[in-house]
Amino acid sequence: MKTTQSKDGTTLAYDVYGSGPALIYITGASCHRSFKPIVRDAKIFATEFTVYNYDRRGRGDSGNTLPYTIEREIEDIEAMIDTAGGKAYLYGHSSGAVIALEAALRLGNKVQKVTMYDAPYVRDEKEKAEYKQLSQKIHKLLDNEKNAEAMLTFLEGIGMPKVFVLLLPLFPGWGTTKALAPTLAYDITLTQDMPPVERATQISIPTQIIVGEKSPASINDVGHQLTKAIPNAKFVQLAKQDHMVNGKKLLPILSTFFK
């Protein structure tokens, strides 16, 4: 484990894998850098890139300076880019894709290219209202320190199969996952609105938007909205993949676009 500091003094923990161009891996909700699927994908990407796999603030071994804002997450990305040598590619998965988009808007030429996978903004006003109801449930549970229930409610609310949600507490690593529950409030903040299509027109960095063929229809719709808004954005629908994308299927697409 290595560490660096963000602008507000928050410690960011990270691991480095591989060699080649620098790639910052931005994970989604309920994930941390030591989560087995994250480590697996980071090592797959490391066959062609130097992968910086970091714990977002509030997760794993990173700090959690409050209050939370999206600006602090962007400062974290900038700190990671500076650690990587001052320029890097960004790959953001799920809510991490939202952070990647904001970094593309705010960090200038420090970001060389951006790939977003399954950016989970709400697609319309109806979905926004439904997500607000879920958000209120999560915040109430977190306020009452019911972290396990908050995590399970969130995962079921975003579409994870109910049988899997019921079995999740029996899996190894559930204690670590449960401990991440307070950061759900951060991911909700990132994803509670519709895609910022007007602001996205200002992105000048080469951008690739990937969605899984089997991912929810709403995520595919959001992908098309962003592709239409971002100048010269490349859109890819990855065959036979859902939200939990296979890193081996993703790597050739990342490599072709970034390199």
Protein backbone atom coordinates (compact mmCIF):
# COMPACT_ATOMS: atom_id res chain seq x y z
CA MET A 1 0.00 0.00 0.00
CA LYS A 2 1.12 3.53 -0.86
CA THR A 3 -0.45 6.82 0.22
CA THR A 4 -0.71 10.38 -1.00
CA GLN A 5 -2.62 13.42 0.20
CA SER A 6 -5.47 15.30 -1.40
CA LYS A 7 -5.71 19.09 -1.34
CA ASP A 8 -7.75 19.12 1.90
CA GLY A 9 -5.25 16.86 3.67
CA THR A 10 -7.21 13.62 3.23
CA THR A 11 -4.96 10.56 2.99
CA LEU A 12 -5.58 8.47 -0.14
CA ALA A 13 -4.43 4.85 -0.13
CA TYR A 14 -3.52 3.19 -3.42
CA ASP A 15 -1.78 0.27 -5.07
CA VAL A 16 0.15 0.33 -8.33
CA TYR A 17 0.16 -2.52 -10.83
CA GLY A 18 1.94 -3.05 -14.14
CA SER A 19 3.83 -0.72 -16.44
CA GLY A 20 3.01 1.50 -19.38
CA PRO A 21 0.85 4.64 -19.63
CA ALA A 22 -0.72 5.77 -16.36
CA LEU A 23 -4.36 4.76 -15.84
CA ILE A 24 -6.38 5.91 -12.81
CA TYR A 25 -9.07 3.34 -11.92
CA ILE A 26 -12.13 5.03 -10.35
CA THR A 27 -14.44 2.52 -8.71
CA GLY A 28 -18.18 2.68 -8.06
CA ALA A 29 -20.50 2.33 -5.08
CA SER A 30 -19.83 -0.33 -2.43
CA CYS A 31 -16.34 -0.94 -3.84
CA HIS A 32 -12.82 -0.46 -2.47
CA ARG A 33 -9.38 -1.10 -3.90
CA SER A 34 -8.93 -4.50 -2.17
CA PHE A 35 -12.32 -5.89 -3.28
CA LYS A 36 -11.45 -9.06 -5.21
CA PRO A 37 -13.25 -8.12 -8.47
CA ILE A 38 -11.50 -4.72 -8.40
CA VAL A 39 -8.06 -6.26 -7.83
CA ARG A 40 -8.73 -8.80 -10.59
CA ASP A 41 -9.62 -6.10 -13.11
CA ALA A 42 -6.76 -3.83 -12.05
CA LYS A 43 -4.30 -6.66 -12.71
CA ILE A 44 -5.89 -7.36 -16.10
CA PHE A 45 -5.55 -3.68 -17.07
CA ALA A 46 -1.97 -3.76 -15.75
CA THR A 47 -0.93 -6.00 -18.63
CA GLU A 48 -0.95 -2.84 -20.77
CA PHE A 49 -1.03 0.11 -18.33
CA THR A 50 0.42 1.32 -15.06
CA VAL A 51 -2.77 1.09 -13.02
CA TYR A 52 -3.35 3.32 -9.99
CA ASN A 53 -6.03 1.54 -7.98
CA TYR A 54 -7.03 3.81 -5.10
CA ASP A 55 -9.56 3.86 -2.28
CA ARG A 56 -11.99 6.70 -2.79
CA ARG A 57 -12.38 8.84 0.31
CA GLY A 58 -14.25 7.11 3.12
CA ARG A 59 -13.33 3.65 1.83
CA GLY A 60 -10.73 1.08 2.76
CA ASP A 61 -7.54 2.73 3.99
CA SER A 62 -8.29 6.26 2.77
CA GLY A 63 -9.38 9.11 5.03
CA ASN A 64 -12.77 10.79 5.09
CA THR A 65 -12.52 14.52 5.72
CA LEU A 66 -15.99 16.07 5.98
CA PRO A 67 -18.13 17.63 4.66
CA TYR A 68 -18.31 15.61 1.44
CA THR A 69 -18.57 17.39 -1.91
CA ILE A 70 -17.96 16.36 -5.51
CA GLU A 71 -15.18 18.97 -5.60
CA ARG A 72 -13.23 16.99 -2.99
CA GLU A 73 -13.48 13.84 -5.14
CA ILE A 74 -12.08 15.77 -8.10
CA GLU A 75 -9.22 17.02 -5.94
CA ASP A 76 -8.56 13.37 -5.06
CA ILE A 77 -8.34 12.53 -8.77
CA GLU A 78 -5.93 15.41 -9.28
CA ALA A 79 -3.77 14.14 -6.40
CA MET A 80 -3.69 10.69 -7.98
CA ILE A 81 -2.80 12.12 -11.39
CA ASP A 82 0.02 14.14 -9.82
CA THR A 83 1.24 10.97 -8.11
CA ALA A 84 1.17 9.23 -11.50
CA GLY A 85 3.40 11.89 -13.06
CA GLY A 86 1.05 14.77 -13.89
CA LYS A 87 -0.95 13.23 -16.74
CA ALA A 88 -3.10 10.10 -16.91
CA TYR A 89 -5.95 8.28 -18.56
CA LEU A 90 -9.11 7.87 -16.47
CA TYR A 91 -11.36 4.82 -16.36
CA GLY A 92 -14.49 5.27 -14.27
CA HIS A 93 -16.95 2.48 -13.54
CA SER A 94 -20.54 3.22 -12.42
CA SER A 95 -20.51 6.23 -10.04
CA GLY A 96 -16.78 6.40 -10.76
CA ALA A 97 -17.78 7.29 -14.32
CA VAL A 98 -19.52 10.40 -12.96
CA ILE A 99 -16.30 11.43 -11.23
CA ALA A 100 -14.37 10.79 -14.45
CA LEU A 101 -16.74 13.05 -16.39
CA GLU A 102 -16.38 15.84 -13.83
CA ALA A 103 -12.59 15.46 -13.89
CA ALA A 104 -12.66 15.80 -17.67
CA LEU A 105 -14.51 19.10 -17.24
CA ARG A 106 -12.33 20.48 -14.45
CA LEU A 107 -8.76 19.22 -14.72
CA GLY A 108 -7.77 20.31 -18.20
CA ASN A 109 -4.87 18.61 -19.92
CA LYS A 110 -3.94 16.62 -16.82
CA VAL A 111 -6.56 14.20 -18.09
CA GLN A 112 -5.41 12.72 -21.39
CA LYS A 113 -8.50 10.64 -22.25
CA VAL A 114 -11.55 9.38 -20.38
CA THR A 115 -13.53 6.15 -20.55
CA MET A 116 -16.82 5.83 -18.67
CA TYR A 117 -18.57 2.50 -18.14
CA ASP A 118 -22.28 2.43 -17.23
CA ALA A 119 -22.58 5.97 -15.86
CA PRO A 120 -25.66 5.61 -13.59
CA TYR A 121 -27.30 9.01 -13.74
CA VAL A 122 -31.10 8.92 -13.61
CA ARG A 123 -32.43 9.15 -17.16
CA ASP A 124 -35.60 11.23 -16.68
CA GLU A 125 -37.82 13.00 -14.14
CA LYS A 126 -39.79 9.84 -13.33
CA GLU A 127 -36.66 7.90 -12.49
CA LYS A 128 -35.32 10.89 -10.54
CA ALA A 129 -38.42 10.86 -8.31
CA GLU A 130 -38.11 7.11 -7.71
CA TYR A 131 -34.42 7.44 -6.87
CA LYS A 132 -35.20 10.26 -4.45
CA GLN A 133 -37.47 7.91 -2.51
CA LEU A 134 -34.68 5.33 -2.32
CA SER A 135 -32.26 8.05 -1.26
CA GLN A 136 -34.50 9.13 1.60
CA LYS A 137 -34.68 5.53 2.87
CA ILE A 138 -30.90 5.18 2.73
CA HIS A 139 -30.24 8.46 4.52
CA LYS A 140 -32.72 7.56 7.29
CA LEU A 141 -31.05 4.18 7.82
CA LEU A 142 -27.60 5.77 7.87
CA ASP A 143 -28.75 8.43 10.33
CA ASN A 144 -29.84 5.59 12.62
CA GLU A 145 -26.53 3.76 12.09
CA LYS A 146 -28.24 0.81 10.42
CA ASN A 147 -25.38 0.30 8.00
CA ALA A 148 -26.12 -3.30 7.02
CA GLU A 149 -29.75 -2.54 6.23
CA ALA A 150 -28.74 0.60 4.32
CA MET A 151 -26.33 -1.34 2.11
CA LEU A 152 -28.83 -4.12 1.38
CA THR A 153 -31.63 -1.64 0.70
CA PHE A 154 -29.42 0.29 -1.72
CA LEU A 155 -28.28 -2.78 -3.64
CA GLU A 156 -31.82 -4.10 -4.02
CA GLY A 157 -33.05 -0.62 -4.92
CA ILE A 158 -30.63 -0.27 -7.82
CA GLY A 159 -31.65 -3.63 -9.26
CA MET A 160 -29.45 -6.31 -7.73
CA PRO A 161 -31.39 -9.62 -7.67
CA LYS A 162 -33.21 -10.03 -4.36
CA VAL A 163 -31.92 -13.56 -3.78
CA PHE A 164 -28.33 -12.32 -4.09
CA VAL A 165 -29.03 -9.45 -1.69
CA LEU A 166 -30.45 -11.89 0.87
CA LEU A 167 -27.36 -14.10 0.63
CA LEU A 168 -24.81 -11.28 0.63
CA PRO A 169 -24.35 -11.17 4.44
CA LEU A 170 -23.18 -14.80 4.28
CA PHE A 171 -20.34 -14.03 1.85
CA PRO A 172 -16.74 -13.48 2.98
CA GLY A 173 -15.98 -9.78 3.14
CA TRP A 174 -19.50 -8.73 4.15
CA GLY A 175 -18.10 -6.87 7.16
CA THR A 176 -15.95 -4.71 4.88
CA THR A 177 -18.83 -4.09 2.49
CA LYS A 178 -21.15 -3.13 5.36
CA ALA A 179 -18.55 -0.67 6.64
CA LEU A 180 -18.76 1.17 3.29
CA ALA A 181 -22.43 2.03 3.84
CA PRO A 182 -21.85 5.69 4.87
CA THR A 183 -20.26 6.32 1.46
CA LEU A 184 -23.53 5.41 -0.25
CA ALA A 185 -24.59 8.97 0.56
CA TYR A 186 -21.66 10.15 -1.59
CA ASP A 187 -22.64 7.96 -4.54
CA ILE A 188 -26.26 9.09 -4.28
CA THR A 189 -25.06 12.70 -4.43
CA LEU A 190 -23.17 11.88 -7.62
CA THR A 191 -26.00 10.05 -9.38
CA GLN A 192 -29.28 11.60 -8.20
CA ASP A 193 -29.63 13.96 -11.18
CA MET A 194 -30.01 13.48 -14.92
CA PRO A 195 -26.83 13.58 -17.02
CA PRO A 196 -25.36 17.09 -17.28
CA VAL A 197 -25.74 17.22 -21.05
CA GLU A 198 -25.41 21.00 -21.33
CA ARG A 199 -22.16 21.06 -19.36
CA ALA A 200 -20.94 17.94 -21.14
CA THR A 201 -20.85 19.87 -24.42
CA GLN A 202 -17.81 21.69 -22.98
CA ILE A 203 -15.68 18.55 -22.69
CA SER A 204 -12.72 18.82 -25.05
CA ILE A 205 -10.86 15.69 -23.92
CA PRO A 206 -11.26 12.52 -26.04
CA THR A 207 -14.07 10.57 -24.38
CA GLN A 208 -15.31 7.02 -24.73
CA ILE A 209 -18.67 5.90 -23.34
CA ILE A 210 -19.23 2.18 -22.85
CA VAL A 211 -22.41 0.46 -21.73
CA GLY A 212 -23.09 -3.21 -21.21
CA GLU A 213 -25.52 -4.79 -23.63
CA LYS A 214 -27.23 -6.45 -20.65
CA SER A 215 -27.05 -3.40 -18.38
CA PRO A 216 -30.34 -1.68 -17.48
CA ALA A 217 -32.12 0.17 -20.28
CA SER A 218 -31.84 3.39 -18.29
CA ILE A 219 -28.04 3.16 -18.27
CA ASN A 220 -27.98 2.54 -22.01
CA ASP A 221 -30.22 5.58 -22.49
CA VAL A 222 -27.92 7.73 -20.35
CA GLY A 223 -24.97 6.53 -22.42
CA HIS A 224 -26.65 7.71 -25.60
CA GLN A 225 -27.53 11.06 -24.02
CA LEU A 226 -23.92 11.67 -23.05
CA THR A 227 -22.58 10.50 -26.41
CA LYS A 228 -24.85 12.97 -28.19
CA ALA A 229 -23.75 15.81 -25.90
CA ILE A 230 -19.97 15.31 -25.70
CA PRO A 231 -18.15 16.48 -28.85
CA ASN A 232 -16.78 13.55 -30.86
CA ALA A 233 -17.50 11.05 -28.09
CA LYS A 234 -17.12 7.39 -29.01
CA PHE A 235 -19.96 5.04 -28.00
CA VAL A 236 -19.52 1.29 -27.48
CA GLN A 237 -22.15 -1.21 -26.42
CA LEU A 238 -20.23 -4.17 -25.05
CA ALA A 239 -21.85 -7.43 -26.14
CA LYS A 240 -23.01 -9.93 -23.50
CA GLN A 241 -21.84 -7.71 -20.61
CA ASP A 242 -23.85 -6.30 -17.73
CA HIS A 243 -22.99 -3.76 -15.04
CA MET A 244 -20.31 -6.05 -13.58
CA VAL A 245 -18.22 -6.01 -16.71
CA ASN A 246 -15.54 -8.63 -17.39
CA GLY A 247 -12.16 -6.90 -17.36
CA LYS A 248 -10.79 -9.23 -20.05
CA LYS A 249 -13.59 -8.16 -22.40
CA LEU A 250 -13.04 -4.50 -21.54
CA LEU A 251 -9.25 -4.34 -21.87
CA PRO A 252 -9.04 -4.42 -25.72
CA ILE A 253 -11.49 -1.52 -25.92
CA LEU A 254 -9.59 0.51 -23.35
CA SER A 255 -6.28 -0.25 -25.05
CA THR A 256 -7.49 0.69 -28.54
CA PHE A 257 -8.99 3.97 -27.35
CA PHE A 258 -6.30 5.09 -24.92
CA LYS A 259 -3.29 4.08 -26.97
